[in-house]
């Protein structure tokens, strides 16, 4: 039996596979930034009542499986996470002293798809994408 979450008047299980890239697809998520970025993304997701259930940071892109309550739009949650994380990265790694708006660490846009019944396939893909050449296709 699935473990559904509850809001006041609804039961839900909304999970999304979300991918985004750094500006100009530069290989910027490595070393200390990679360790710090995981904490940032989890904290920002919690602030929006979301849970990152699976995630993987590649040098040039981010993959997450995120559970988002139906009262929030996916675009708002992803925009919040990308925007706030860019500001935090700029403060910690690029020597910014103030909370500047318009920090450009992430490229505009993202990819998102609902997970549905293929949750285990998506989890395996996110976890093993560096070691496997499989594609996100349930037919293969």
Protein backbone atom coordinates (compact mmCIF):
# COMPACT_ATOMS: atom_id res chain seq x y z
CA UNK A 1 0.00 0.00 0.00
CA UNK A 2 1.28 3.44 -0.91
CA UNK A 3 2.07 5.87 1.83
CA UNK A 4 0.02 8.93 0.84
CA UNK A 5 0.56 12.32 2.45
CA UNK A 6 -2.32 14.44 3.70
CA UNK A 7 -3.39 18.02 3.61
CA UNK A 8 -6.52 19.28 5.32
CA UNK A 9 -8.89 18.15 2.56
CA UNK A 10 -6.83 15.88 0.37
CA UNK A 11 -4.54 12.88 0.20
CA UNK A 12 -1.71 13.10 -2.29
CA UNK A 13 1.45 11.59 -3.75
CA UNK A 14 2.93 14.09 -6.24
CA UNK A 15 6.52 13.38 -7.21
CA UNK A 16 8.50 15.01 -9.97
CA UNK A 17 11.80 14.27 -11.68
CA UNK A 18 13.47 17.68 -12.07
CA UNK A 19 16.72 18.51 -13.88
CA UNK A 20 18.50 21.86 -14.28
CA UNK A 21 21.93 23.08 -15.29
CA UNK A 22 24.46 25.75 -14.26
CA UNK A 23 24.76 28.82 -16.47
CA UNK A 24 26.43 27.99 -19.80
CA UNK A 25 26.49 24.34 -18.65
CA UNK A 26 29.86 24.93 -17.01
CA UNK A 27 31.11 22.09 -14.85
CA UNK A 28 30.72 23.99 -11.58
CA UNK A 29 29.19 21.53 -9.10
CA UNK A 30 32.29 19.83 -7.71
CA UNK A 31 34.46 19.68 -4.59
CA UNK A 32 33.32 21.60 -1.53
CA UNK A 33 30.48 23.22 -3.49
CA UNK A 34 29.06 19.76 -4.26
CA UNK A 35 28.92 18.81 -0.58
CA UNK A 36 27.45 22.16 0.42
CA UNK A 37 24.90 22.22 -2.41
CA UNK A 38 23.20 19.03 -1.24
CA UNK A 39 22.53 20.57 2.17
CA UNK A 40 21.28 23.80 0.60
CA UNK A 41 18.84 22.06 -1.72
CA UNK A 42 17.40 19.89 1.06
CA UNK A 43 16.97 22.89 3.38
CA UNK A 44 15.29 25.01 0.71
CA UNK A 45 12.93 22.16 -0.20
CA UNK A 46 11.92 21.82 3.46
CA UNK A 47 11.12 25.54 3.60
CA UNK A 48 8.51 25.01 0.88
CA UNK A 49 7.08 21.88 2.57
CA UNK A 50 8.70 19.67 -0.08
CA UNK A 51 10.99 16.67 0.27
CA UNK A 52 13.89 15.76 -1.99
CA UNK A 53 13.56 12.00 -1.98
CA UNK A 54 16.49 11.26 -4.28
CA UNK A 55 19.12 13.48 -5.79
CA UNK A 56 22.38 13.44 -7.65
CA UNK A 57 24.76 16.27 -8.50
CA UNK A 58 26.63 15.80 -11.74
CA UNK A 59 29.44 18.27 -12.61
CA UNK A 60 27.21 20.00 -15.16
CA UNK A 61 23.62 19.33 -14.02
CA UNK A 62 21.38 18.47 -11.06
CA UNK A 63 18.84 15.62 -10.93
CA UNK A 64 16.29 15.41 -8.11
CA UNK A 65 13.19 13.39 -7.33
CA UNK A 66 11.09 15.81 -5.32
CA UNK A 67 7.75 15.43 -3.59
CA UNK A 68 5.74 18.66 -3.92
CA UNK A 69 2.35 19.23 -2.25
CA UNK A 70 -0.44 19.94 -4.76
CA UNK A 71 -1.00 23.39 -3.27
CA UNK A 72 2.33 24.54 -4.79
CA UNK A 73 3.18 24.91 -8.47
CA UNK A 74 6.27 23.04 -9.60
CA UNK A 75 7.58 26.20 -11.28
CA UNK A 76 7.34 28.20 -8.04
CA UNK A 77 9.17 25.55 -6.01
CA UNK A 78 11.95 25.07 -8.56
CA UNK A 79 12.28 28.86 -9.02
CA UNK A 80 12.54 29.33 -5.25
CA UNK A 81 15.17 26.59 -4.87
CA UNK A 82 17.27 27.80 -7.82
CA UNK A 83 17.05 31.48 -6.84
CA UNK A 84 17.84 31.10 -3.15
CA UNK A 85 20.60 28.55 -3.77
CA UNK A 86 22.28 30.93 -6.27
CA UNK A 87 22.33 33.67 -3.62
CA UNK A 88 23.71 31.29 -0.96
CA UNK A 89 26.41 30.01 -3.33
CA UNK A 90 27.41 33.58 -4.25
CA UNK A 91 27.72 34.53 -0.58
CA UNK A 92 29.74 31.50 0.44
CA UNK A 93 31.94 30.78 -2.58
CA UNK A 94 32.18 33.98 -4.60
CA UNK A 95 32.76 36.46 -1.78
CA UNK A 96 29.50 38.40 -1.98
CA UNK A 97 28.79 40.19 1.27
CA UNK A 98 25.22 41.26 0.67
CA UNK A 99 22.08 39.53 -0.53
CA UNK A 100 22.29 40.52 -4.20
CA UNK A 101 19.32 39.81 -6.40
CA UNK A 102 19.86 38.53 -9.88
CA UNK A 103 22.68 36.13 -9.11
CA UNK A 104 23.30 34.04 -12.20
CA UNK A 105 24.62 30.66 -11.12
CA UNK A 106 21.87 28.55 -12.70
CA UNK A 107 20.69 28.74 -16.31
CA UNK A 108 17.12 29.75 -17.01
CA UNK A 109 14.63 26.92 -17.23
CA UNK A 110 14.49 23.33 -16.10
CA UNK A 111 13.10 19.93 -17.10
CA UNK A 112 10.30 18.40 -15.04
CA UNK A 113 8.20 15.30 -15.46
CA UNK A 114 5.74 13.54 -13.19
CA UNK A 115 6.91 10.22 -11.85
CA UNK A 116 3.69 8.27 -11.37
CA UNK A 117 4.11 4.51 -11.33
CA UNK A 118 7.70 4.63 -12.62
CA UNK A 119 9.12 5.92 -9.34
CA UNK A 120 11.57 3.04 -8.85
CA UNK A 121 12.89 3.40 -12.40
CA UNK A 122 13.48 7.13 -11.87
CA UNK A 123 15.18 6.51 -8.50
CA UNK A 124 17.53 3.96 -10.08
CA UNK A 125 18.29 6.30 -12.98
CA UNK A 126 19.15 9.19 -10.64
CA UNK A 127 21.34 7.05 -8.38
CA UNK A 128 23.23 5.16 -11.07
CA UNK A 129 23.47 7.61 -13.97
CA UNK A 130 27.26 7.98 -13.71
CA UNK A 131 27.93 4.24 -13.85
CA UNK A 132 25.17 3.16 -16.22
CA UNK A 133 24.34 4.04 -19.78
CA UNK A 134 20.66 3.17 -19.42
CA UNK A 135 18.05 5.64 -20.48
CA UNK A 136 14.91 6.64 -18.67
CA UNK A 137 12.72 4.26 -20.61
CA UNK A 138 10.68 1.51 -19.00
CA UNK A 139 10.66 -0.50 -22.25
CA UNK A 140 14.38 -1.30 -22.17
